[in-house]
Amino acid sequence: MIVALAISMALACVLASARRLWFVANATAIHPDDLVAWLGRAPAASKLAELREAVAAEPSADWERDLLDALAQPRVEARVALVNEQLTELDRRMQRWARVPRVGASVATSFAILLGTLVLRNGLARAPELTGELGELFVRQIVGEAVSVASFGVVGTAFCIAAHSRARRMTRARQEAADRMIEALEAAADAARQGPAAARDASSVGDATVKTNNA
C-alpha cells in the first residue's frame, strides 16, 4: 500500500511537470524560428499574404492571427500597442503552470520522506525481540524498504527539477525567437504598405506627365 502511494505521488508530480513542458512547447501553433526561416532574410509582402491564408485555415493559430492583425494596423501607435499586447499574451501562455515543477519537486520529496519514515516506524513497531546478527539483519531490511519507498520520490523530484530547468530555457529561447519573428513580419508588413504607396506615387507621376504633354 505504501509503495503504491509512493509511486502514485511521484507519477502525479512527473505528469504535472510534463504538462508544464507541453504548455511551453505548444504556446503557439507555429514555432517562431520556423517562421523566421520561412520568411528568409528579405521577407516579401507576398509571403505575408501566404501566411495570412495559412493561419486563417489553422484553428489553433489564434495568436498568429491576432499578431498579423496587429501588424496590419496603419497607425504606428496602435500597431506598437497591439504588438506589445500580443507579446504579453505570448508570455502569459508560456508562464502557464510555471510553479508546478517546483511545487512538484517539493511535494515529491516531502511525501517520500514521510512514507519512508512511516515504513521505518511500522517496521520497528512490529519488530520481534531479536538480538545480535538477526536483529541487525532485520533493521537493515526495514531501512532498505524505507529507502526503496523514498527512492520513488527522489526520481519524481529529479524529473520535476529537470523539467523546470528545461521549461525555463525553452521559454527564454522562444521569447528571443518571437522577437526575431516580429522583426521579420514587420519588414514584410512595411513592404506590403510601401507597395500600394509606390503604386500611387507612380500613378500620380503618370497623371502629371499626361497633363504636361496635353498643355
C-alpha atoms as a PDB file:
ATOM      1  CA  MET A   1       0.000   0.000   0.000  1.00  0.00           C
ATOM      2  CA  ILE A   2       2.751   2.426   0.968  1.00  0.00           C
ATOM      3  CA  VAL A   3       4.758   1.575  -2.151  1.00  0.00           C
ATOM      4  CA  ALA A   4       1.667   2.198  -4.313  1.00  0.00           C
ATOM      5  CA  LEU A   5       1.189   5.586  -2.645  1.00  0.00           C
ATOM      6  CA  ALA A   6       4.827   6.491  -3.265  1.00  0.00           C
ATOM      7  CA  ILE A   7       4.604   5.515  -6.935  1.00  0.00           C
ATOM      8  CA  SER A   8       1.287   7.336  -7.421  1.00  0.00           C
ATOM      9  CA  MET A   9       2.544  10.586  -5.891  1.00  0.00           C
ATOM     10  CA  ALA A  10       5.810  10.518  -7.852  1.00  0.00           C
ATOM     11  CA  LEU A  11       3.920   9.801 -11.075  1.00  0.00           C
ATOM     12  CA  ALA A  12       1.470  12.637 -10.408  1.00  0.00           C
ATOM     13  CA  CYS A  13       4.344  15.100  -9.932  1.00  0.00           C
ATOM     14  CA  VAL A  14       6.053  13.833 -13.086  1.00  0.00           C
ATOM     15  CA  LEU A  15       2.883  14.180 -15.182  1.00  0.00           C
ATOM     16  CA  ALA A  16       2.201  17.677 -13.872  1.00  0.00           C
ATOM     17  CA  SER A  17       5.747  18.767 -14.746  1.00  0.00           C
ATOM     18  CA  ALA A  18       5.428  17.168 -18.179  1.00  0.00           C
ATOM     19  CA  ARG A  19       2.245  19.181 -18.686  1.00  0.00           C
ATOM     20  CA  ARG A  20       4.222  22.339 -17.909  1.00  0.00           C
ATOM     21  CA  LEU A  21       6.706  21.419 -20.650  1.00  0.00           C
ATOM     22  CA  TRP A  22       3.820  20.835 -23.048  1.00  0.00           C
ATOM     23  CA  PHE A  23       2.443  24.313 -22.392  1.00  0.00           C
ATOM     24  CA  VAL A  24       5.800  25.881 -23.266  1.00  0.00           C
ATOM     25  CA  ALA A  25       6.373  23.739 -26.343  1.00  0.00           C
ATOM     26  CA  ASN A  26       2.881  24.451 -27.676  1.00  0.00           C
ATOM     27  CA  ALA A  27       2.483  28.096 -26.731  1.00  0.00           C
ATOM     28  CA  THR A  28       1.868  28.935 -30.394  1.00  0.00           C
ATOM     29  CA  ALA A  29       0.742  26.902 -33.383  1.00  0.00           C
ATOM     30  CA  ILE A  30       3.879  27.822 -35.357  1.00  0.00           C
ATOM     31  CA  HIS A  31       7.319  27.983 -33.781  1.00  0.00           C
ATOM     32  CA  PRO A  32       8.802  31.469 -34.322  1.00  0.00           C
ATOM     33  CA  ASP A  33      12.119  30.047 -35.547  1.00  0.00           C
ATOM     34  CA  ASP A  34      10.337  28.047 -38.250  1.00  0.00           C
ATOM     35  CA  LEU A  35       8.505  31.153 -39.381  1.00  0.00           C
ATOM     36  CA  VAL A  36      11.689  33.242 -39.480  1.00  0.00           C
ATOM     37  CA  ALA A  37      13.398  30.587 -41.590  1.00  0.00           C
ATOM     38  CA  TRP A  38      10.445  30.501 -43.968  1.00  0.00           C
ATOM     39  CA  LEU A  39      10.317  34.289 -44.349  1.00  0.00           C
ATOM     40  CA  GLY A  40      14.010  34.493 -45.187  1.00  0.00           C
ATOM     41  CA  ARG A  41      16.405  37.399 -44.823  1.00  0.00           C
ATOM     42  CA  ALA A  42      14.372  39.753 -47.018  1.00  0.00           C
ATOM     43  CA  PRO A  43      10.703  38.990 -46.268  1.00  0.00           C
ATOM     44  CA  ALA A  44       8.435  39.778 -49.205  1.00  0.00           C
ATOM     45  CA  ALA A  45       4.911  41.112 -48.989  1.00  0.00           C
ATOM     46  CA  SER A  46       3.668  38.074 -50.920  1.00  0.00           C
ATOM     47  CA  LYS A  47       4.829  35.771 -48.109  1.00  0.00           C
ATOM     48  CA  LEU A  48       2.842  37.807 -45.624  1.00  0.00           C
ATOM     49  CA  ALA A  49      -0.277  37.204 -47.708  1.00  0.00           C
ATOM     50  CA  GLU A  50       0.516  33.471 -47.869  1.00  0.00           C
ATOM     51  CA  LEU A  51       0.960  33.411 -44.098  1.00  0.00           C
ATOM     52  CA  ARG A  52      -2.396  35.077 -43.566  1.00  0.00           C
ATOM     53  CA  GLU A  53      -4.080  32.387 -45.637  1.00  0.00           C
ATOM     54  CA  ALA A  54      -2.255  29.624 -43.778  1.00  0.00           C
ATOM     55  CA  VAL A  55      -3.131  30.833 -40.270  1.00  0.00           C
ATOM     56  CA  ALA A  56      -6.709  31.533 -41.318  1.00  0.00           C
ATOM     57  CA  ALA A  57      -7.071  27.842 -42.160  1.00  0.00           C
ATOM     58  CA  GLU A  58      -5.497  26.682 -38.871  1.00  0.00           C
ATOM     59  CA  PRO A  59      -7.938  26.857 -35.900  1.00  0.00           C
ATOM     60  CA  SER A  60      -5.144  26.706 -33.302  1.00  0.00           C
ATOM     61  CA  ALA A  61      -3.241  29.672 -34.804  1.00  0.00           C
ATOM     62  CA  ASP A  62      -5.291  32.284 -32.969  1.00  0.00           C
ATOM     63  CA  TRP A  63      -2.213  34.065 -31.580  1.00  0.00           C
ATOM     64  CA  GLU A  64      -0.649  34.296 -35.035  1.00  0.00           C
ATOM     65  CA  ARG A  65      -3.869  35.714 -36.483  1.00  0.00           C
ATOM     66  CA  ASP A  66      -4.062  38.374 -33.784  1.00  0.00           C
ATOM     67  CA  LEU A  67      -0.398  39.265 -34.333  1.00  0.00           C
ATOM     68  CA  LEU A  68      -0.891  39.674 -38.083  1.00  0.00           C
ATOM     69  CA  ASP A  69      -3.955  41.836 -37.449  1.00  0.00           C
ATOM     70  CA  ALA A  70      -1.867  43.976 -35.113  1.00  0.00           C
ATOM     71  CA  LEU A  71       0.883  44.383 -37.717  1.00  0.00           C
ATOM     72  CA  ALA A  72      -1.704  45.402 -40.310  1.00  0.00           C
ATOM     73  CA  GLN A  73      -2.750  48.492 -38.334  1.00  0.00           C
ATOM     74  CA  PRO A  74      -1.975  51.636 -40.369  1.00  0.00           C
ATOM     75  CA  ARG A  75      -1.280  53.871 -37.354  1.00  0.00           C
ATOM     76  CA  VAL A  76       2.138  53.362 -35.799  1.00  0.00           C
ATOM     77  CA  GLU A  77       0.967  53.974 -32.217  1.00  0.00           C
ATOM     78  CA  ALA A  78      -1.866  51.473 -32.496  1.00  0.00           C
ATOM     79  CA  ARG A  79       0.378  48.944 -34.196  1.00  0.00           C
ATOM     80  CA  VAL A  80       3.039  49.122 -31.482  1.00  0.00           C
ATOM     81  CA  ALA A  81       0.454  48.856 -28.702  1.00  0.00           C
ATOM     82  CA  LEU A  82      -1.269  45.842 -30.253  1.00  0.00           C
ATOM     83  CA  VAL A  83       2.019  44.047 -30.980  1.00  0.00           C
ATOM     84  CA  ASN A  84       3.113  44.556 -27.362  1.00  0.00           C
ATOM     85  CA  GLU A  85      -0.231  43.191 -26.261  1.00  0.00           C
ATOM     86  CA  GLN A  86       0.412  40.029 -28.257  1.00  0.00           C
ATOM     87  CA  LEU A  87       3.880  39.698 -26.731  1.00  0.00           C
ATOM     88  CA  THR A  88       2.273  39.920 -23.303  1.00  0.00           C
ATOM     89  CA  GLU A  89      -0.197  37.239 -24.317  1.00  0.00           C
ATOM     90  CA  LEU A  90       2.655  35.027 -25.513  1.00  0.00           C
ATOM     91  CA  ASP A  91       4.446  35.465 -22.190  1.00  0.00           C
ATOM     92  CA  ARG A  92       1.248  34.554 -20.346  1.00  0.00           C
ATOM     93  CA  ARG A  93       0.913  31.383 -22.390  1.00  0.00           C
ATOM     94  CA  MET A  94       4.486  30.336 -21.732  1.00  0.00           C
ATOM     95  CA  GLN A  95       4.181  31.001 -17.997  1.00  0.00           C
ATOM     96  CA  ARG A  96       1.230  28.645 -17.517  1.00  0.00           C
ATOM     97  CA  TRP A  97       1.929  26.210 -14.682  1.00  0.00           C
ATOM     98  CA  ALA A  98       5.352  27.827 -14.221  1.00  0.00           C
ATOM     99  CA  ARG A  99       5.421  26.997 -10.498  1.00  0.00           C
ATOM    100  CA  VAL A 100       4.146  23.440 -10.887  1.00  0.00           C
ATOM    101  CA  PRO A 101       7.558  21.712 -11.325  1.00  0.00           C
ATOM    102  CA  ARG A 102       8.962  23.430  -8.227  1.00  0.00           C
ATOM    103  CA  VAL A 103       5.898  22.546  -6.198  1.00  0.00           C
ATOM    104  CA  GLY A 104       6.015  19.005  -7.581  1.00  0.00           C
ATOM    105  CA  ALA A 105       9.653  18.630  -6.554  1.00  0.00           C
ATOM    106  CA  SER A 106       8.853  19.811  -3.036  1.00  0.00           C
ATOM    107  CA  VAL A 107       5.796  17.574  -2.726  1.00  0.00           C
ATOM    108  CA  ALA A 108       7.602  14.516  -4.100  1.00  0.00           C
ATOM    109  CA  THR A 109      10.482  14.975  -1.675  1.00  0.00           C
ATOM    110  CA  SER A 110       8.311  15.630   1.377  1.00  0.00           C
ATOM    111  CA  PHE A 111       5.944  12.772   0.620  1.00  0.00           C
ATOM    112  CA  ALA A 112       8.823  10.373   0.043  1.00  0.00           C
ATOM    113  CA  ILE A 113      10.411  11.276   3.374  1.00  0.00           C
ATOM    114  CA  LEU A 114       7.034  10.913   5.100  1.00  0.00           C
ATOM    115  CA  LEU A 115       6.381   7.472   3.621  1.00  0.00           C
ATOM    116  CA  GLY A 116       9.946   6.333   4.300  1.00  0.00           C
ATOM    117  CA  THR A 117       9.587   7.373   7.915  1.00  0.00           C
ATOM    118  CA  LEU A 118       6.236   5.587   8.114  1.00  0.00           C
ATOM    119  CA  VAL A 119       7.834   2.377   6.807  1.00  0.00           C
ATOM    120  CA  LEU A 120      10.548   2.632   9.465  1.00  0.00           C
ATOM    121  CA  ARG A 121       8.024   3.302  12.208  1.00  0.00           C
ATOM    122  CA  ASN A 122       5.735   0.423  11.248  1.00  0.00           C
ATOM    123  CA  GLY A 123       8.645  -1.948  10.796  1.00  0.00           C
ATOM    124  CA  LEU A 124      10.277  -1.132  14.110  1.00  0.00           C
ATOM    125  CA  ALA A 125       6.931  -1.209  15.902  1.00  0.00           C
ATOM    126  CA  ARG A 126       6.368  -4.800  14.739  1.00  0.00           C
ATOM    127  CA  ALA A 127       9.988  -5.807  15.257  1.00  0.00           C
ATOM    128  CA  PRO A 128      10.388  -9.062  17.147  1.00  0.00           C
ATOM    129  CA  GLU A 129      12.724  -9.467  20.070  1.00  0.00           C
ATOM    130  CA  LEU A 130      15.864 -10.127  18.050  1.00  0.00           C
ATOM    131  CA  THR A 131      19.429  -9.542  19.061  1.00  0.00           C
ATOM    132  CA  GLY A 132      22.796  -9.969  17.512  1.00  0.00           C
ATOM    133  CA  GLU A 133      23.102 -10.625  13.803  1.00  0.00           C
ATOM    134  CA  LEU A 134      19.405 -11.441  13.362  1.00  0.00           C
ATOM    135  CA  GLY A 135      18.392  -8.126  14.844  1.00  0.00           C
ATOM    136  CA  GLU A 136      20.897  -6.290  12.686  1.00  0.00           C
ATOM    137  CA  LEU A 137      19.629  -8.042   9.546  1.00  0.00           C
ATOM    138  CA  PHE A 138      16.027  -7.150  10.399  1.00  0.00           C
ATOM    139  CA  VAL A 139      16.881  -3.486  10.895  1.00  0.00           C
ATOM    140  CA  ARG A 140      18.787  -3.443   7.623  1.00  0.00           C
ATOM    141  CA  GLN A 141      15.770  -4.913   5.855  1.00  0.00           C
ATOM    142  CA  ILE A 142      13.453  -2.269   7.288  1.00  0.00           C
ATOM    143  CA  VAL A 143      15.865   0.514   6.365  1.00  0.00           C
ATOM    144  CA  GLY A 144      16.181  -0.917   2.858  1.00  0.00           C
ATOM    145  CA  GLU A 145      12.401  -0.911   2.456  1.00  0.00           C
ATOM    146  CA  ALA A 146      12.240   2.700   3.654  1.00  0.00           C
ATOM    147  CA  VAL A 147      14.968   3.746   1.236  1.00  0.00           C
ATOM    148  CA  SER A 148      13.224   1.939  -1.621  1.00  0.00           C
ATOM    149  CA  VAL A 149       9.995   3.790  -0.914  1.00  0.00           C
ATOM    150  CA  ALA A 150      11.814   7.118  -0.638  1.00  0.00           C
ATOM    151  CA  SER A 151      13.642   6.479  -3.929  1.00  0.00           C
ATOM    152  CA  PHE A 152      10.390   6.889  -5.876  1.00  0.00           C
ATOM    153  CA  GLY A 153      10.106  10.401  -4.505  1.00  0.00           C
ATOM    154  CA  VAL A 154      13.725  11.106  -5.422  1.00  0.00           C
ATOM    155  CA  VAL A 155      13.034  10.080  -9.014  1.00  0.00           C
ATOM    156  CA  GLY A 156       9.960  12.322  -9.149  1.00  0.00           C
ATOM    157  CA  THR A 157      11.913  15.208  -7.655  1.00  0.00           C
ATOM    158  CA  ALA A 158      14.722  14.808 -10.179  1.00  0.00           C
ATOM    159  CA  PHE A 159      12.279  14.856 -13.079  1.00  0.00           C
ATOM    160  CA  CYS A 160      10.493  17.946 -11.740  1.00  0.00           C
ATOM    161  CA  ILE A 161      13.780  19.816 -11.342  1.00  0.00           C
ATOM    162  CA  ALA A 162      14.883  18.849 -14.849  1.00  0.00           C
ATOM    163  CA  ALA A 163      11.505  19.862 -16.278  1.00  0.00           C
ATOM    164  CA  HIS A 164      11.663  23.230 -14.544  1.00  0.00           C
ATOM    165  CA  SER A 165      15.136  23.932 -15.909  1.00  0.00           C
ATOM    166  CA  ARG A 166      14.169  22.792 -19.409  1.00  0.00           C
ATOM    167  CA  ALA A 167      10.996  24.887 -19.402  1.00  0.00           C
ATOM    168  CA  ARG A 168      12.952  28.000 -18.423  1.00  0.00           C
ATOM    169  CA  ARG A 169      15.416  27.501 -21.274  1.00  0.00           C
ATOM    170  CA  MET A 170      12.610  26.851 -23.748  1.00  0.00           C
ATOM    171  CA  THR A 171      10.732  29.952 -22.611  1.00  0.00           C
ATOM    172  CA  ARG A 172      13.769  32.188 -22.973  1.00  0.00           C
ATOM    173  CA  ALA A 173      14.613  30.769 -26.395  1.00  0.00           C
ATOM    174  CA  ARG A 174      11.040  31.126 -27.643  1.00  0.00           C
ATOM    175  CA  GLN A 175      10.812  34.736 -26.473  1.00  0.00           C
ATOM    176  CA  GLU A 176      14.007  35.588 -28.339  1.00  0.00           C
ATOM    177  CA  ALA A 177      12.714  33.771 -31.414  1.00  0.00           C
ATOM    178  CA  ALA A 178       9.425  35.679 -31.154  1.00  0.00           C
ATOM    179  CA  ASP A 179      11.328  38.983 -31.227  1.00  0.00           C
ATOM    180  CA  ARG A 180      13.145  37.892 -34.398  1.00  0.00           C
ATOM    181  CA  MET A 181       9.884  36.751 -35.934  1.00  0.00           C
ATOM    182  CA  ILE A 182       8.169  40.058 -35.260  1.00  0.00           C
ATOM    183  CA  GLU A 183      11.066  41.952 -36.819  1.00  0.00           C
ATOM    184  CA  ALA A 184      10.761  39.814 -39.946  1.00  0.00           C
ATOM    185  CA  LEU A 185       6.986  40.226 -40.061  1.00  0.00           C
ATOM    186  CA  GLU A 186       7.300  43.980 -39.601  1.00  0.00           C
ATOM    187  CA  ALA A 187       9.695  44.089 -42.561  1.00  0.00           C
ATOM    188  CA  ALA A 188       7.193  42.159 -44.674  1.00  0.00           C
ATOM    189  CA  ALA A 189       4.345  44.396 -43.494  1.00  0.00           C
ATOM    190  CA  ASP A 190       6.369  47.510 -44.355  1.00  0.00           C
ATOM    191  CA  ALA A 191       6.987  46.099 -47.808  1.00  0.00           C
ATOM    192  CA  ALA A 192       3.259  45.459 -48.192  1.00  0.00           C
ATOM    193  CA  ARG A 193       2.404  49.012 -47.109  1.00  0.00           C
ATOM    194  CA  GLN A 194       5.032  50.563 -49.357  1.00  0.00           C
ATOM    195  CA  GLY A 195       3.743  48.634 -52.355  1.00  0.00           C
ATOM    196  CA  PRO A 196       0.417  50.464 -52.655  1.00  0.00           C
ATOM    197  CA  ALA A 197       2.102  53.778 -51.774  1.00  0.00           C
ATOM    198  CA  ALA A 198       4.665  53.304 -54.537  1.00  0.00           C
ATOM    199  CA  ALA A 199       1.915  52.425 -56.963  1.00  0.00           C
ATOM    200  CA  ARG A 200       0.010  55.589 -56.063  1.00  0.00           C
ATOM    201  CA  ASP A 201       3.156  57.677 -56.466  1.00  0.00           C
ATOM    202  CA  ALA A 202       3.802  56.165 -59.881  1.00  0.00           C
ATOM    203  CA  SER A 203       0.212  56.830 -60.887  1.00  0.00           C
ATOM    204  CA  SER A 204       0.484  60.457 -59.734  1.00  0.00           C
ATOM    205  CA  VAL A 205       3.662  60.928 -61.735  1.00  0.00           C
ATOM    206  CA  GLY A 206       1.969  59.421 -64.790  1.00  0.00           C
ATOM    207  CA  ASP A 207      -1.032  61.749 -64.466  1.00  0.00           C
ATOM    208  CA  ALA A 208       1.250  64.764 -64.123  1.00  0.00           C
ATOM    209  CA  THR A 209       3.178  63.745 -67.241  1.00  0.00           C
ATOM    210  CA  VAL A 210      -0.029  63.372 -69.226  1.00  0.00           C
ATOM    211  CA  LYS A 211      -1.230  66.828 -68.136  1.00  0.00           C
ATOM    212  CA  THR A 212       2.089  68.386 -69.066  1.00  0.00           C
ATOM    213  CA  ASN A 213       2.021  66.823 -72.525  1.00  0.00           C
ATOM    214  CA  ASN A 214      -1.539  67.988 -73.067  1.00  0.00           C
ATOM    215  CA  ALA A 215      -0.551  71.519 -72.089  1.00  0.00           C
END
